[in-house]
Amino acid sequence: MEFKIINKDNWHECITMWTKDDKFIASNLYSIAEAQFYPKAISKAIYEDSVMVGYIMYGEDENDESIIAIDRLMIGEKHRRNGYATAAIKKVIKYAGENGYKLIKSSTALENEPMRSTFESNGFNTTGEMDGNEIIYYYSMR
């Protein structure tokens, strides 16, 4: 798996991967646009071999340089349940470790059981803290 830059050749494929059924996450189009206004945001397409399977946006927390945040993680509908979300999370964990971050933070809707399960099975924990209607998860790099 690799994360690739979104460019003029793949942006349309990336934005059409998101559908209205992906109600728990902002659209890829919105996320790509939003990343342009946050210099610490890393906005990438997720590929397995030469096939785009999803989208991720992550980067240093705007308020705490010891934290990296996974702001978006979306796997296209036809690629789900193949371990791609876990592989992407592990790639961010590796990046965080190599770059000296102490904590990884993310959140998801309370009702998004598949994502909550994915976080928990990858070592993320929650204190029950909420950000709006989303539950916050943490992964300690210790």
Foldseek 3Di string as FASTA:
>chain_A
DDWADDDPVCVVVAQVLDDVVPVWADGLVVVVVVQVVPVFKDWTFDDDPNDGFHIWIKGADPVDNLEIETEDTTGGPVNPPPCSSLVVVVVVLVVSVVVRRFKYKYKTAPPPVVVVVSCVVNQWDFPQDDDVRITMTMHGND
